[in-house]
PDB file of N, CA and C in Angstrom:
ATOM      1  N   LEU A   1      33.668 -24.324 -33.243  1.00  0.00           N
ATOM      2  CA  LEU A   1      33.195 -23.380 -32.240  1.00  0.00           C
ATOM      3  C   LEU A   1      33.374 -21.943 -32.713  1.00  0.00           C
ATOM      4  N   PHE A   2      34.570 -21.587 -33.173  1.00  0.00           N
ATOM      5  CA  PHE A   2      34.839 -20.246 -33.681  1.00  0.00           C
ATOM      6  C   PHE A   2      35.254 -20.324 -35.139  1.00  0.00           C
ATOM      7  N   TYR A   3      34.831 -19.359 -35.875  1.00  0.00           N
ATOM      8  CA  TYR A   3      35.296 -19.227 -37.256  1.00  0.00           C
ATOM      9  C   TYR A   3      36.198 -18.007 -37.303  1.00  0.00           C
ATOM     10  N   LEU A   4      37.453 -18.220 -37.510  1.00  0.00           N
ATOM     11  CA  LEU A   4      38.440 -17.142 -37.480  1.00  0.00           C
ATOM     12  C   LEU A   4      38.967 -16.881 -38.884  1.00  0.00           C
ATOM     13  N   ASP A   5      39.215 -15.642 -39.151  1.00  0.00           N
ATOM     14  CA  ASP A   5      39.888 -15.312 -40.397  1.00  0.00           C
ATOM     15  C   ASP A   5      41.327 -14.897 -40.097  1.00  0.00           C
ATOM     16  N   GLU A   6      42.118 -14.698 -41.111  1.00  0.00           N
ATOM     17  CA  GLU A   6      43.523 -14.375 -40.898  1.00  0.00           C
ATOM     18  C   GLU A   6      43.725 -12.997 -40.294  1.00  0.00           C
ATOM     19  N   GLU A   7      42.750 -12.095 -40.413  1.00  0.00           N
ATOM     20  CA  GLU A   7      42.915 -10.730 -39.925  1.00  0.00           C
ATOM     21  C   GLU A   7      42.506 -10.588 -38.457  1.00  0.00           C
ATOM     22  N   ALA A   8      42.171 -11.646 -37.784  1.00  0.00           N
ATOM     23  CA  ALA A   8      41.762 -11.579 -36.382  1.00  0.00           C
ATOM     24  C   ALA A   8      42.926 -11.080 -35.546  1.00  0.00           C
ATOM     25  N   SER A   9      42.649 -10.069 -34.723  1.00  0.00           N
ATOM     26  CA  SER A   9      43.717  -9.446 -33.946  1.00  0.00           C
ATOM     27  C   SER A   9      43.764  -9.974 -32.512  1.00  0.00           C
ATOM     28  N   PHE A  10      43.181 -11.110 -32.246  1.00  0.00           N
ATOM     29  CA  PHE A  10      43.205 -11.674 -30.901  1.00  0.00           C
ATOM     30  C   PHE A  10      43.768 -13.084 -30.956  1.00  0.00           C
ATOM     31  N   ASP A  11      44.167 -13.549 -29.821  1.00  0.00           N
ATOM     32  CA  ASP A  11      44.786 -14.872 -29.739  1.00  0.00           C
ATOM     33  C   ASP A  11      43.686 -15.920 -29.588  1.00  0.00           C
ATOM     34  N   ALA A  12      43.431 -16.678 -30.610  1.00  0.00           N
ATOM     35  CA  ALA A  12      42.355 -17.662 -30.609  1.00  0.00           C
ATOM     36  C   ALA A  12      42.610 -18.770 -29.605  1.00  0.00           C
ATOM     37  N   THR A  13      43.841 -19.161 -29.427  1.00  0.00           N
ATOM     38  CA  THR A  13      44.115 -20.243 -28.477  1.00  0.00           C
ATOM     39  C   THR A  13      43.832 -19.808 -27.049  1.00  0.00           C
ATOM     40  N   ALA A  14      44.072 -18.535 -26.730  1.00  0.00           N
ATOM     41  CA  ALA A  14      43.769 -18.039 -25.381  1.00  0.00           C
ATOM     42  C   ALA A  14      42.264 -18.049 -25.128  1.00  0.00           C
ATOM     43  N   ILE A  15      41.505 -17.682 -26.130  1.00  0.00           N
ATOM     44  CA  ILE A  15      40.047 -17.679 -25.984  1.00  0.00           C
ATOM     45  C   ILE A  15      39.531 -19.106 -25.830  1.00  0.00           C
ATOM     46  N   ILE A  16      40.067 -20.017 -26.600  1.00  0.00           N
ATOM     47  CA  ILE A  16      39.631 -21.411 -26.500  1.00  0.00           C
ATOM     48  C   ILE A  16      39.988 -21.980 -25.133  1.00  0.00           C
ATOM     49  N   ARG A  17      41.178 -21.645 -24.619  1.00  0.00           N
ATOM     50  CA  ARG A  17      41.548 -22.107 -23.275  1.00  0.00           C
ATOM     51  C   ARG A  17      40.609 -21.522 -22.221  1.00  0.00           C
ATOM     52  N   LEU A  18      40.273 -20.256 -22.380  1.00  0.00           N
ATOM     53  CA  LEU A  18      39.353 -19.616 -21.431  1.00  0.00           C
ATOM     54  C   LEU A  18      37.984 -20.299 -21.464  1.00  0.00           C
ATOM     55  N   LEU A  19      37.475 -20.579 -22.651  1.00  0.00           N
ATOM     56  CA  LEU A  19      36.179 -21.256 -22.764  1.00  0.00           C
ATOM     57  C   LEU A  19      36.222 -22.656 -22.156  1.00  0.00           C
ATOM     58  N   HIS A  20      37.322 -23.351 -22.370  1.00  0.00           N
ATOM     59  CA  HIS A  20      37.455 -24.683 -21.765  1.00  0.00           C
ATOM     60  C   HIS A  20      37.518 -24.586 -20.241  1.00  0.00           C
ATOM     61  N   ALA A  21      38.110 -23.516 -19.725  1.00  0.00           N
ATOM     62  CA  ALA A  21      38.175 -23.335 -18.268  1.00  0.00           C
ATOM     63  C   ALA A  21      36.810 -22.959 -17.701  1.00  0.00           C
ATOM     64  N   LEU A  22      36.047 -22.171 -18.449  1.00  0.00           N
ATOM     65  CA  LEU A  22      34.735 -21.727 -17.969  1.00  0.00           C
ATOM     66  C   LEU A  22      33.658 -22.796 -18.140  1.00  0.00           C
ATOM     67  N   HIS A  23      33.820 -23.693 -19.069  1.00  0.00           N
ATOM     68  CA  HIS A  23      32.799 -24.701 -19.351  1.00  0.00           C
ATOM     69  C   HIS A  23      32.399 -25.507 -18.109  1.00  0.00           C
ATOM     70  N   PRO A  24      33.332 -26.018 -17.300  1.00  0.00           N
ATOM     71  CA  PRO A  24      32.911 -26.747 -16.089  1.00  0.00           C
ATOM     72  C   PRO A  24      32.162 -25.863 -15.099  1.00  0.00           C
ATOM     73  N   MET A  25      32.524 -24.574 -15.055  1.00  0.00           N
ATOM     74  CA  MET A  25      31.810 -23.659 -14.145  1.00  0.00           C
ATOM     75  C   MET A  25      30.366 -23.479 -14.589  1.00  0.00           C
ATOM     76  N   PHE A  26      30.160 -23.334 -15.902  1.00  0.00           N
ATOM     77  CA  PHE A  26      28.793 -23.203 -16.403  1.00  0.00           C
ATOM     78  C   PHE A  26      27.992 -24.481 -16.165  1.00  0.00           C
ATOM     79  N   LEU A  27      28.629 -25.621 -16.327  1.00  0.00           N
ATOM     80  CA  LEU A  27      27.948 -26.886 -16.042  1.00  0.00           C
ATOM     81  C   LEU A  27      27.586 -26.988 -14.567  1.00  0.00           C
ATOM     82  N   ALA A  28      28.511 -26.576 -13.701  1.00  0.00           N
ATOM     83  CA  ALA A  28      28.237 -26.617 -12.261  1.00  0.00           C
ATOM     84  C   ALA A  28      27.100 -25.673 -11.905  1.00  0.00           C
ATOM     85  N   LEU A  29      27.101 -24.494 -12.512  1.00  0.00           N
ATOM     86  CA  LEU A  29      26.020 -23.537 -12.260  1.00  0.00           C
ATOM     87  C   LEU A  29      24.681 -24.115 -12.721  1.00  0.00           C
ATOM     88  N   GLY A  30      24.671 -24.765 -13.871  1.00  0.00           N
ATOM     89  CA  GLY A  30      23.439 -25.395 -14.358  1.00  0.00           C
ATOM     90  C   GLY A  30      22.938 -26.463 -13.413  1.00  0.00           C
ATOM     91  N   ARG A  31      23.854 -27.263 -12.884  1.00  0.00           N
ATOM     92  CA  ARG A  31      23.442 -28.302 -11.922  1.00  0.00           C
ATOM     93  C   ARG A  31      22.895 -27.674 -10.641  1.00  0.00           C
ATOM     94  N   LEU A  32      23.548 -26.603 -10.182  1.00  0.00           N
ATOM     95  CA  LEU A  32      23.055 -25.936  -8.970  1.00  0.00           C
ATOM     96  C   LEU A  32      21.657 -25.377  -9.182  1.00  0.00           C
ATOM     97  N   LEU A  33      21.437 -24.754 -10.329  1.00  0.00           N
ATOM     98  CA  LEU A  33      20.106 -24.213 -10.611  1.00  0.00           C
ATOM     99  C   LEU A  33      19.061 -25.319 -10.682  1.00  0.00           C
ATOM    100  N   GLU A  34      19.424 -26.454 -11.249  1.00  0.00           N
ATOM    101  CA  GLU A  34      18.483 -27.576 -11.285  1.00  0.00           C
ATOM    102  C   GLU A  34      18.220 -28.116  -9.886  1.00  0.00           C
ATOM    103  N   GLU A  35      19.253 -28.141  -9.048  1.00  0.00           N
ATOM    104  CA  GLU A  35      19.081 -28.670  -7.693  1.00  0.00           C
ATOM    105  C   GLU A  35      18.168 -27.798  -6.853  1.00  0.00           C
ATOM    106  N   ILE A  36      18.258 -26.493  -7.015  1.00  0.00           N
ATOM    107  CA  ILE A  36      17.414 -25.621  -6.191  1.00  0.00           C
ATOM    108  C   ILE A  36      16.109 -25.253  -6.898  1.00  0.00           C
ATOM    109  N   HIS A  37      15.845 -25.885  -8.013  1.00  0.00           N
ATOM    110  CA  HIS A  37      14.567 -25.755  -8.727  1.00  0.00           C
ATOM    111  C   HIS A  37      14.226 -24.307  -9.059  1.00  0.00           C
ATOM    112  N   VAL A  38      15.109 -23.644  -9.720  1.00  0.00           N
ATOM    113  CA  VAL A  38      14.841 -22.268 -10.130  1.00  0.00           C
ATOM    114  C   VAL A  38      14.914 -22.189 -11.654  1.00  0.00           C
ATOM    115  N   PRO A  39      13.986 -22.786 -12.336  1.00  0.00           N
ATOM    116  CA  PRO A  39      14.003 -22.635 -13.787  1.00  0.00           C
ATOM    117  C   PRO A  39      13.602 -21.212 -14.175  1.00  0.00           C
ATOM    118  N   LEU A  40      14.091 -20.789 -15.280  1.00  0.00           N
ATOM    119  CA  LEU A  40      13.860 -19.419 -15.720  1.00  0.00           C
ATOM    120  C   LEU A  40      12.376 -19.119 -15.914  1.00  0.00           C
ATOM    121  N   ALA A  41      11.611 -20.085 -16.403  1.00  0.00           N
ATOM    122  CA  ALA A  41      10.182 -19.857 -16.618  1.00  0.00           C
ATOM    123  C   ALA A  41       9.464 -19.600 -15.297  1.00  0.00           C
ATOM    124  N   HIS A  42       9.857 -20.323 -14.247  1.00  0.00           N
ATOM    125  CA  HIS A  42       9.240 -20.136 -12.936  1.00  0.00           C
ATOM    126  C   HIS A  42       9.515 -18.723 -12.415  1.00  0.00           C
ATOM    127  N   LEU A  43      10.756 -18.282 -12.564  1.00  0.00           N
ATOM    128  CA  LEU A  43      11.098 -16.931 -12.122  1.00  0.00           C
ATOM    129  C   LEU A  43      10.355 -15.878 -12.938  1.00  0.00           C
ATOM    130  N   GLU A  44      10.188 -16.124 -14.212  1.00  0.00           N
ATOM    131  CA  GLU A  44       9.465 -15.175 -15.061  1.00  0.00           C
ATOM    132  C   GLU A  44       7.999 -15.081 -14.649  1.00  0.00           C
ATOM    133  N   ARG A  45       7.381 -16.222 -14.304  1.00  0.00           N
ATOM    134  CA  ARG A  45       5.992 -16.190 -13.817  1.00  0.00           C
ATOM    135  C   ARG A  45       5.892 -15.392 -12.526  1.00  0.00           C
ATOM    136  N   LYS A  46       6.827 -15.626 -11.618  1.00  0.00           N
ATOM    137  CA  LYS A  46       6.805 -14.884 -10.352  1.00  0.00           C
ATOM    138  C   LYS A  46       6.990 -13.390 -10.601  1.00  0.00           C
ATOM    139  N   ARG A  47       7.858 -13.045 -11.536  1.00  0.00           N
ATOM    140  CA  ARG A  47       8.098 -11.638 -11.857  1.00  0.00           C
ATOM    141  C   ARG A  47       6.837 -10.999 -12.438  1.00  0.00           C
ATOM    142  N   THR A  48       6.138 -11.730 -13.300  1.00  0.00           N
ATOM    143  CA  THR A  48       4.901 -11.222 -13.885  1.00  0.00           C
ATOM    144  C   THR A  48       3.838 -11.015 -12.810  1.00  0.00           C
ATOM    145  N   ILE A  49       3.704 -11.976 -11.915  1.00  0.00           N
ATOM    146  CA  ILE A  49       2.728 -11.856 -10.825  1.00  0.00           C
ATOM    147  C   ILE A  49       3.076 -10.672  -9.935  1.00  0.00           C
ATOM    148  N   LEU A  50       4.349 -10.519  -9.612  1.00  0.00           N
ATOM    149  CA  LEU A  50       4.778  -9.401  -8.773  1.00  0.00           C
ATOM    150  C   LEU A  50       4.477  -8.069  -9.450  1.00  0.00           C
ATOM    151  N   ARG A  51       4.732  -7.981 -10.761  1.00  0.00           N
ATOM    152  CA  ARG A  51       4.424  -6.747 -11.481  1.00  0.00           C
ATOM    153  C   ARG A  51       2.926  -6.463 -11.452  1.00  0.00           C
ATOM    154  N   THR A  52       2.108  -7.502 -11.605  1.00  0.00           N
ATOM    155  CA  THR A  52       0.655  -7.324 -11.593  1.00  0.00           C
ATOM    156  C   THR A  52       0.183  -6.825 -10.232  1.00  0.00           C
ATOM    157  N   TYR A  53       0.662  -7.464  -9.161  1.00  0.00           N
ATOM    158  CA  TYR A  53       0.266  -7.033  -7.822  1.00  0.00           C
ATOM    159  C   TYR A  53       0.770  -5.630  -7.511  1.00  0.00           C
ATOM    160  N   THR A  54       1.970  -5.306  -7.957  1.00  0.00           N
ATOM    161  CA  THR A  54       2.511  -3.972  -7.715  1.00  0.00           C
ATOM    162  C   THR A  54       1.672  -2.928  -8.435  1.00  0.00           C
ATOM    163  N   LYS A  55       1.273  -3.216  -9.681  1.00  0.00           N
ATOM    164  CA  LYS A  55       0.442  -2.277 -10.425  1.00  0.00           C
ATOM    165  C   LYS A  55      -0.915  -2.127  -9.743  1.00  0.00           C
ATOM    166  N   SER A  56      -1.495  -3.238  -9.276  1.00  0.00           N
ATOM    167  CA  SER A  56      -2.780  -3.165  -8.580  1.00  0.00           C
ATOM    168  C   SER A  56      -2.660  -2.343  -7.303  1.00  0.00           C
ATOM    169  N   LEU A  57      -1.574  -2.539  -6.568  1.00  0.00           N
ATOM    170  CA  LEU A  57      -1.360  -1.777  -5.345  1.00  0.00           C
ATOM    171  C   LEU A  57      -1.190  -0.299  -5.654  1.00  0.00           C
ATOM    172  N   ASP A  58      -0.452   0.022  -6.705  1.00  0.00           N
ATOM    173  CA  ASP A  58      -0.293   1.420  -7.104  1.00  0.00           C
ATOM    174  C   ASP A  58      -1.637   2.036  -7.462  1.00  0.00           C
ATOM    175  N   ASP A  59      -2.465   1.292  -8.202  1.00  0.00           N
ATOM    176  CA  ASP A  59      -3.787   1.798  -8.572  1.00  0.00           C
ATOM    177  C   ASP A  59      -4.646   2.038  -7.338  1.00  0.00           C
ATOM    178  N   LEU A  60      -4.604   1.113  -6.367  1.00  0.00           N
ATOM    179  CA  LEU A  60      -5.377   1.294  -5.133  1.00  0.00           C
ATOM    180  C   LEU A  60      -4.899   2.512  -4.355  1.00  0.00           C
ATOM    181  N   CYS A  61      -3.598   2.705  -4.295  1.00  0.00           N
ATOM    182  CA  CYS A  61      -3.059   3.869  -3.586  1.00  0.00           C
ATOM    183  C   CYS A  61      -3.511   5.162  -4.251  1.00  0.00           C
ATOM    184  N   ILE A  62      -3.500   5.180  -5.577  1.00  0.00           N
ATOM    185  CA  ILE A  62      -3.947   6.373  -6.300  1.00  0.00           C
ATOM    186  C   ILE A  62      -5.425   6.617  -6.023  1.00  0.00           C
ATOM    187  N   GLN A  63      -6.240   5.560  -6.007  1.00  0.00           N
ATOM    188  CA  GLN A  63      -7.661   5.713  -5.713  1.00  0.00           C
ATOM    189  C   GLN A  63      -7.875   6.244  -4.302  1.00  0.00           C
ATOM    190  N   CYS A  64      -7.088   5.757  -3.333  1.00  0.00           N
ATOM    191  CA  CYS A  64      -7.216   6.231  -1.956  1.00  0.00           C
ATOM    192  C   CYS A  64      -6.857   7.706  -1.856  1.00  0.00           C
ATOM    193  N   VAL A  65      -5.779   8.096  -2.518  1.00  0.00           N
ATOM    194  CA  VAL A  65      -5.369   9.502  -2.489  1.00  0.00           C
ATOM    195  C   VAL A  65      -6.442  10.365  -3.128  1.00  0.00           C
ATOM    196  N   ASP A  66      -7.011   9.912  -4.247  1.00  0.00           N
ATOM    197  CA  ASP A  66      -8.081  10.670  -4.894  1.00  0.00           C
ATOM    198  C   ASP A  66      -9.298  10.788  -3.985  1.00  0.00           C
ATOM    199  N   ALA A  67      -9.635   9.702  -3.282  1.00  0.00           N
ATOM    200  CA  ALA A  67     -10.792   9.728  -2.385  1.00  0.00           C
ATOM    201  C   ALA A  67     -10.566  10.697  -1.235  1.00  0.00           C
ATOM    202  N   VAL A  68      -9.380  10.659  -0.645  1.00  0.00           N
ATOM    203  CA  VAL A  68      -9.074  11.563   0.465  1.00  0.00           C
ATOM    204  C   VAL A  68      -9.081  13.004  -0.016  1.00  0.00           C
ATOM    205  N   THR A  69      -8.551  13.243  -1.197  1.00  0.00           N
ATOM    206  CA  THR A  69      -8.551  14.597  -1.747  1.00  0.00           C
ATOM    207  C   THR A  69      -9.982  15.081  -1.945  1.00  0.00           C
ATOM    208  N   GLY A  70     -10.847  14.193  -2.442  1.00  0.00           N
ATOM    209  CA  GLY A  70     -12.244  14.565  -2.621  1.00  0.00           C
ATOM    210  C   GLY A  70     -12.932  14.867  -1.303  1.00  0.00           C
ATOM    211  N   ILE A  71     -12.644  14.077  -0.277  1.00  0.00           N
ATOM    212  CA  ILE A  71     -13.238  14.309   1.046  1.00  0.00           C
ATOM    213  C   ILE A  71     -12.756  15.635   1.610  1.00  0.00           C
ATOM    214  N   LYS A  72     -11.465  15.900   1.494  1.00  0.00           N
ATOM    215  CA  LYS A  72     -10.935  17.168   2.003  1.00  0.00           C
ATOM    216  C   LYS A  72     -11.548  18.342   1.253  1.00  0.00           C
ATOM    217  N   GLN A  73     -11.716  18.210  -0.057  1.00  0.00           N
ATOM    218  CA  GLN A  73     -12.320  19.280  -0.842  1.00  0.00           C
ATOM    219  C   GLN A  73     -13.764  19.491  -0.408  1.00  0.00           C
ATOM    220  N   HIS A  74     -14.491  18.396  -0.158  1.00  0.00           N
ATOM    221  CA  HIS A  74     -15.879  18.490   0.280  1.00  0.00           C
ATOM    222  C   HIS A  74     -15.966  19.184   1.640  1.00  0.00           C
ATOM    223  N   ARG A  75     -15.041  18.844   2.551  1.00  0.00           N
ATOM    224  CA  ARG A  75     -15.042  19.494   3.868  1.00  0.00           C
ATOM    225  C   ARG A  75     -14.754  20.975   3.726  1.00  0.00           C
ATOM    226  N   ARG A  76     -13.824  21.327   2.846  1.00  0.00           N
ATOM    227  CA  ARG A  76     -13.524  22.741   2.629  1.00  0.00           C
ATOM    228  C   ARG A  76     -14.745  23.456   2.090  1.00  0.00           C
ATOM    229  N   ASP A  77     -15.496  22.799   1.199  1.00  0.00           N
ATOM    230  CA  ASP A  77     -16.692  23.414   0.643  1.00  0.00           C
ATOM    231  C   ASP A  77     -17.751  23.607   1.725  1.00  0.00           C
ATOM    232  N   LEU A  78     -17.872  22.642   2.652  1.00  0.00           N
ATOM    233  CA  LEU A  78     -18.861  22.772   3.726  1.00  0.00           C
ATOM    234  C   LEU A  78     -18.557  23.961   4.617  1.00  0.00           C
ATOM    235  N   TYR A  79     -17.292  24.099   4.986  1.00  0.00           N
ATOM    236  CA  TYR A  79     -16.929  25.164   5.909  1.00  0.00           C
ATOM    237  C   TYR A  79     -16.505  26.430   5.189  1.00  0.00           C
ATOM    238  N   GLY A  80     -16.392  26.364   3.890  1.00  0.00           N
ATOM    239  CA  GLY A  80     -15.919  27.518   3.138  1.00  0.00           C
ATOM    240  C   GLY A  80     -17.020  28.503   2.810  1.00  0.00           C
ATOM    241  N   ASP A  81     -18.297  28.072   2.777  1.00  0.00           N
ATOM    242  CA  ASP A  81     -19.344  29.040   2.477  1.00  0.00           C
ATOM    243  C   ASP A  81     -19.599  29.893   3.716  1.00  0.00           C
ATOM    244  N   ASP A  82     -20.533  30.770   3.644  1.00  0.00           N
ATOM    245  CA  ASP A  82     -20.728  31.760   4.703  1.00  0.00           C
ATOM    246  C   ASP A  82     -21.422  31.203   5.931  1.00  0.00           C
ATOM    247  N   VAL A  83     -21.355  29.926   6.139  1.00  0.00           N
ATOM    248  CA  VAL A  83     -21.964  29.314   7.309  1.00  0.00           C
ATOM    249  C   VAL A  83     -20.933  29.321   8.421  1.00  0.00           C
ATOM    250  N   GLY A  84     -21.144  30.125   9.436  1.00  0.00           N
ATOM    251  CA  GLY A  84     -20.179  30.220  10.525  1.00  0.00           C
ATOM    252  C   GLY A  84     -20.311  29.084  11.512  1.00  0.00           C
ATOM    253  N   ASN A  85     -21.526  28.736  11.875  1.00  0.00           N
ATOM    254  CA  ASN A  85     -21.755  27.699  12.866  1.00  0.00           C
ATOM    255  C   ASN A  85     -22.864  26.795  12.353  1.00  0.00           C
ATOM    256  N   PHE A  86     -22.550  25.537  12.160  1.00  0.00           N
ATOM    257  CA  PHE A  86     -23.512  24.607  11.578  1.00  0.00           C
ATOM    258  C   PHE A  86     -24.719  24.412  12.491  1.00  0.00           C
ATOM    259  N   THR A  87     -24.513  24.407  13.798  1.00  0.00           N
ATOM    260  CA  THR A  87     -25.647  24.195  14.713  1.00  0.00           C
ATOM    261  C   THR A  87     -26.603  25.378  14.658  1.00  0.00           C
ATOM    262  N   THR A  88     -26.090  26.570  14.505  1.00  0.00           N
ATOM    263  CA  THR A  88     -26.963  27.738  14.412  1.00  0.00           C
ATOM    264  C   THR A  88     -27.750  27.710  13.110  1.00  0.00           C
ATOM    265  N   THR A  89     -27.084  27.374  12.033  1.00  0.00           N
ATOM    266  CA  THR A  89     -27.736  27.357  10.732  1.00  0.00           C
ATOM    267  C   THR A  89     -28.792  26.267  10.653  1.00  0.00           C
ATOM    268  N   SER A  90     -28.510  25.117  11.214  1.00  0.00           N
ATOM    269  CA  SER A  90     -29.457  24.007  11.123  1.00  0.00           C
ATOM    270  C   SER A  90     -30.609  24.151  12.101  1.00  0.00           C
ATOM    271  N   GLY A  91     -30.488  25.044  13.054  1.00  0.00           N
ATOM    272  CA  GLY A  91     -31.541  25.191  14.040  1.00  0.00           C
ATOM    273  C   GLY A  91     -31.413  24.216  15.187  1.00  0.00           C
ATOM    274  N   ARG A  92     -30.351  23.443  15.199  1.00  0.00           N
ATOM    275  CA  ARG A  92     -30.167  22.450  16.254  1.00  0.00           C
ATOM    276  C   ARG A  92     -30.024  23.126  17.611  1.00  0.00           C
ATOM    277  N   GLY A  93     -29.335  24.237  17.668  1.00  0.00           N
ATOM    278  CA  GLY A  93     -29.164  24.948  18.933  1.00  0.00           C
ATOM    279  C   GLY A  93     -30.497  25.457  19.471  1.00  0.00           C
ATOM    280  N   ARG A  94     -31.339  25.976  18.564  1.00  0.00           N
ATOM    281  CA  ARG A  94     -32.650  26.482  18.970  1.00  0.00           C
ATOM    282  C   ARG A  94     -33.529  25.338  19.460  1.00  0.00           C
ATOM    283  N   LEU A  95     -33.458  24.184  18.798  1.00  0.00           N
ATOM    284  CA  LEU A  95     -34.234  23.027  19.218  1.00  0.00           C
ATOM    285  C   LEU A  95     -33.813  22.588  20.613  1.00  0.00           C
ATOM    286  N   LYS A  96     -32.509  22.596  20.867  1.00  0.00           N
ATOM    287  CA  LYS A  96     -32.021  22.212  22.187  1.00  0.00           C
ATOM    288  C   LYS A  96     -32.534  23.186  23.246  1.00  0.00           C
ATOM    289  N   ASP A  97     -32.514  24.499  22.941  1.00  0.00           N
ATOM    290  CA  ASP A  97     -33.025  25.494  23.896  1.00  0.00           C
ATOM    291  C   ASP A  97     -34.511  25.286  24.156  1.00  0.00           C
ATOM    292  N   ASP A  98     -35.267  25.001  23.096  1.00  0.00           N
ATOM    293  CA  ASP A  98     -36.703  24.775  23.258  1.00  0.00           C
ATOM    294  C   ASP A  98     -36.968  23.559  24.136  1.00  0.00           C
ATOM    295  N   LEU A  99     -36.216  22.483  23.937  1.00  0.00           N
ATOM    296  CA  LEU A  99     -36.405  21.285  24.749  1.00  0.00           C
ATOM    297  C   LEU A  99     -36.047  21.549  26.203  1.00  0.00           C
ATOM    298  N   GLU A 100     -34.956  22.284  26.420  1.00  0.00           N
ATOM    299  CA  GLU A 100     -34.559  22.567  27.800  1.00  0.00           C
ATOM    300  C   GLU A 100     -35.592  23.441  28.496  1.00  0.00           C
ATOM    301  N   SER A 101     -36.119  24.430  27.777  1.00  0.00           N
ATOM    302  CA  SER A 101     -37.112  25.306  28.414  1.00  0.00           C
ATOM    303  C   SER A 101     -38.417  24.558  28.677  1.00  0.00           C
ATOM    304  N   SER A 102     -38.820  23.668  27.766  1.00  0.00           N
ATOM    305  CA  SER A 102     -40.055  22.930  28.007  1.00  0.00           C
ATOM    306  C   SER A 102     -39.875  21.951  29.164  1.00  0.00           C
ATOM    307  N   THR A 103     -38.694  21.363  29.286  1.00  0.00           N
ATOM    308  CA  THR A 103     -38.421  20.474  30.414  1.00  0.00           C
ATOM    309  C   THR A 103     -38.456  21.268  31.710  1.00  0.00           C
ATOM    310  N   TRP A 104     -37.905  22.466  31.697  1.00  0.00           N
ATOM    311  CA  TRP A 104     -37.893  23.304  32.891  1.00  0.00           C
ATOM    312  C   TRP A 104     -39.314  23.691  33.280  1.00  0.00           C
ATOM    313  N   ARG A 105     -40.148  23.995  32.283  1.00  0.00           N
ATOM    314  CA  ARG A 105     -41.536  24.357  32.561  1.00  0.00           C
ATOM    315  C   ARG A 105     -42.304  23.180  33.147  1.00  0.00           C
ATOM    316  N   GLN A 106     -42.039  21.966  32.640  1.00  0.00           N
ATOM    317  CA  GLN A 106     -42.723  20.795  33.178  1.00  0.00           C
ATOM    318  C   GLN A 106     -42.344  20.586  34.635  1.00  0.00           C
ATOM    319  N   ARG A 107     -41.112  20.835  34.978  1.00  0.00           N
ATOM    320  CA  ARG A 107     -40.694  20.683  36.373  1.00  0.00           C
ATOM    321  C   ARG A 107     -41.373  21.737  37.252  1.00  0.00           C
ATOM    322  N   GLN A 108     -41.554  22.919  36.709  1.00  0.00           N
ATOM    323  CA  GLN A 108     -42.202  23.979  37.470  1.00  0.00           C
ATOM    324  C   GLN A 108     -43.679  23.649  37.709  1.00  0.00           C
ATOM    325  N   ASP A 109     -44.301  22.947  36.761  1.00  0.00           N
ATOM    326  CA  ASP A 109     -45.710  22.618  36.889  1.00  0.00           C
ATOM    327  C   ASP A 109     -45.946  21.606  38.004  1.00  0.00           C
ATOM    328  N   PHE A 110     -44.976  20.745  38.285  1.00  0.00           N
ATOM    329  CA  PHE A 110     -45.165  19.734  39.321  1.00  0.00           C
ATOM    330  C   PHE A 110     -44.895  20.314  40.622  1.00  0.00           C
TER     331      PHE A 110
END
């Protein structure tokens, strides 16, 4: 188990006793792991899948933040130019006034 030389500054018998004491614990741990079906390969697969999903989620979050930033920038550009009121600029307000006045005139005609 161990290859010791004469210059070893530790007590080899103490280490061997410790290993003999720990050996049943390691065997018991191995049996417990087998009983609960947690082989290392299975855990590694789960870890890989978790890393993949986490990276995908991070990428989606970054895309969402970029999209929101783009929308906010676009809104700033819409309201940032010299257009004070969109309805006035588009003529929508004038169209509404024209419709209301024509409706009023039709009522007057009857």
